[in-house]
Amino acid sequence: MNIFFSWLIGLIFGIGLIIAGMTNPAKVLGFLDLTGVWDPSLAFVMAGGIAVASIGFFVAKKRTKSLIGLQLRFPTGKKIDRPLIIGGAIFGIGWGIAGICPGPALVLVGGGVFKGVVFVIAMLLGMALFEMFNRQKSKQSSKA
């Protein structure tokens, strides 16, 4: 049953991304182009998403289990450190170059869009490199 709900929520989210224009790299790049012909429409999409998520978090924080009985776990980290800043910068640069971020990329892959496939492959390679370097760093620090 959990797989069904996960699939359904993912489907609804993907349809929302398509309707909002988040899967159109040209629209995203138009939103990010503050000095050119700026398209502010995605700001409304983000504001709507933040409003809905805020309500969801407000309700969820008062519960210990989800509506389908799973344990609720919230992020606990509040530290703004160098890896977070570097990761955010890399994410922003990639978003600005491609006009795609991970959620819409998965929708594009589902639609068979080549640019989305290339993006997801590059994203997975980046994640694998991060894990590889992180493990190497952990091994070196444990030896010291």
Protein backbone atom coordinates (compact mmCIF):
# COMPACT_ATOMS: atom_id res chain seq x y z
CA MET A 1 0.00 0.00 0.00
CA ASN A 2 2.87 2.40 0.78
CA ILE A 3 4.25 1.91 -2.74
CA PHE A 4 0.87 2.87 -4.19
CA PHE A 5 0.70 6.08 -2.14
CA SER A 6 4.30 6.92 -3.01
CA TRP A 7 3.52 6.43 -6.69
CA LEU A 8 0.32 8.48 -6.45
CA ILE A 9 2.01 11.38 -4.66
CA GLY A 10 4.88 11.29 -7.16
CA LEU A 11 2.41 11.35 -10.04
CA ILE A 12 0.54 14.32 -8.58
CA PHE A 13 3.83 16.14 -7.92
CA GLY A 14 5.02 15.46 -11.48
CA ILE A 15 1.76 16.71 -12.99
CA GLY A 16 2.05 19.82 -10.83
CA LEU A 17 5.60 20.43 -12.10
CA ILE A 18 4.40 20.10 -15.70
CA ILE A 19 1.43 22.44 -15.17
CA ALA A 20 3.63 24.99 -13.39
CA GLY A 21 6.18 25.00 -16.21
CA MET A 22 9.02 23.71 -14.03
CA THR A 23 9.84 21.02 -16.62
CA ASN A 24 10.43 23.65 -19.30
CA PRO A 25 14.11 24.66 -19.03
CA ALA A 26 13.50 27.84 -21.07
CA LYS A 27 10.86 28.99 -18.55
CA VAL A 28 13.16 28.21 -15.62
CA LEU A 29 16.06 30.08 -17.24
CA GLY A 30 13.69 33.01 -17.88
CA PHE A 31 12.90 33.05 -14.16
CA LEU A 32 16.60 32.97 -13.25
CA ASP A 33 17.50 35.76 -15.72
CA LEU A 34 17.02 38.76 -13.42
CA THR A 35 18.89 41.18 -15.71
CA GLY A 36 17.23 40.17 -18.98
CA VAL A 37 13.60 39.44 -19.76
CA TRP A 38 12.67 38.16 -16.32
CA ASP A 39 9.68 35.80 -16.04
CA PRO A 40 8.43 36.06 -12.41
CA SER A 41 5.68 33.44 -12.81
CA LEU A 42 7.69 30.68 -11.13
CA ALA A 43 7.94 32.86 -8.00
CA PHE A 44 4.21 32.28 -7.57
CA VAL A 45 4.73 28.55 -8.00
CA MET A 46 7.43 28.62 -5.31
CA ALA A 47 5.30 30.73 -2.98
CA GLY A 48 2.40 28.30 -3.40
CA GLY A 49 4.68 25.34 -2.74
CA ILE A 50 6.09 26.97 0.38
CA ALA A 51 2.59 27.76 1.66
CA VAL A 52 1.35 24.20 1.14
CA ALA A 53 4.53 22.69 2.64
CA SER A 54 4.34 25.04 5.64
CA ILE A 55 0.83 23.87 6.42
CA GLY A 56 1.92 20.26 6.00
CA PHE A 57 4.91 20.67 8.32
CA PHE A 58 2.79 22.53 10.89
CA VAL A 59 0.32 19.63 11.01
CA ALA A 60 2.99 16.90 10.80
CA LYS A 61 5.09 18.28 13.66
CA LYS A 62 2.17 17.66 16.00
CA ARG A 63 2.12 13.96 15.06
CA THR A 64 4.44 11.02 15.68
CA LYS A 65 3.21 8.89 12.76
CA SER A 66 2.14 9.67 9.21
CA LEU A 67 -1.44 9.24 8.02
CA ILE A 68 -0.52 5.77 6.75
CA GLY A 69 1.17 4.77 10.02
CA LEU A 70 4.85 5.33 9.21
CA GLN A 71 7.28 6.93 11.67
CA LEU A 72 7.78 10.66 11.00
CA ARG A 73 11.40 11.83 10.91
CA PHE A 74 12.34 15.46 10.47
CA PRO A 75 15.76 16.88 9.63
CA THR A 76 17.70 17.88 12.73
CA GLY A 77 20.70 19.63 11.19
CA LYS A 78 20.73 23.41 11.50
CA LYS A 79 24.42 24.03 10.85
CA ILE A 80 25.37 26.13 7.84
CA ASP A 81 28.81 24.83 6.99
CA ARG A 82 31.23 24.77 4.08
CA PRO A 83 29.87 21.56 2.46
CA LEU A 84 26.33 22.99 2.55
CA ILE A 85 27.43 26.25 0.93
CA ILE A 86 29.51 24.48 -1.72
CA GLY A 87 26.70 22.01 -2.45
CA GLY A 88 24.18 24.83 -2.74
CA ALA A 89 26.48 26.72 -5.10
CA ILE A 90 26.99 23.63 -7.28
CA PHE A 91 23.23 23.04 -7.34
CA GLY A 92 22.56 26.68 -8.28
CA ILE A 93 25.19 26.71 -11.01
CA GLY A 94 23.81 23.49 -12.49
CA TRP A 95 20.26 24.83 -12.31
CA GLY A 96 21.34 28.06 -14.00
CA ILE A 97 23.19 26.26 -16.78
CA ALA A 98 20.64 23.56 -17.56
CA GLY A 99 17.38 25.13 -16.36
CA ILE A 100 16.60 21.79 -14.73
CA CYS A 101 16.65 20.61 -11.12
CA PRO A 102 16.25 17.02 -9.83
CA GLY A 103 12.45 16.80 -9.51
CA PRO A 104 11.64 18.13 -12.98
CA ALA A 105 14.54 16.08 -14.40
CA LEU A 106 12.82 12.87 -13.27
CA VAL A 107 9.59 14.06 -14.92
CA LEU A 108 11.54 14.74 -18.13
CA VAL A 109 13.08 11.24 -17.98
CA GLY A 110 9.58 9.79 -17.57
CA GLY A 111 8.57 11.71 -20.69
CA GLY A 112 11.57 10.42 -22.63
CA VAL A 113 13.19 13.85 -22.99
CA PHE A 114 16.87 13.38 -23.86
CA LYS A 115 18.06 16.49 -21.99
CA GLY A 116 16.44 15.13 -18.82
CA VAL A 117 18.15 11.76 -19.27
CA VAL A 118 21.55 13.45 -19.67
CA PHE A 119 20.86 15.60 -16.60
CA VAL A 120 19.90 12.61 -14.44
CA ILE A 121 22.97 10.64 -15.55
CA ALA A 122 25.19 13.63 -14.69
CA MET A 123 23.37 14.04 -11.36
CA LEU A 124 23.86 10.37 -10.46
CA LEU A 125 27.54 10.55 -11.41
CA GLY A 126 27.93 13.63 -9.21
CA MET A 127 26.25 11.84 -6.31
CA ALA A 128 28.51 8.82 -6.80
CA LEU A 129 31.62 11.05 -6.87
CA PHE A 130 30.47 12.76 -3.68
CA GLU A 131 30.02 9.41 -1.93
CA MET A 132 33.39 8.22 -3.18
CA PHE A 133 35.21 11.33 -1.92
CA ASN A 134 33.25 11.31 1.34
CA ARG A 135 34.23 7.67 2.03
CA GLN A 136 37.86 8.44 1.17
CA LYS A 137 37.81 11.42 3.54
CA SER A 138 36.28 9.28 6.32
CA LYS A 139 38.97 6.61 5.86
CA GLN A 140 41.73 9.23 6.04
CA SER A 141 40.31 10.89 9.15
CA SER A 142 39.91 7.54 10.91
CA LYS A 143 43.58 6.71 10.23
CA ALA A 144 44.75 9.98 11.79
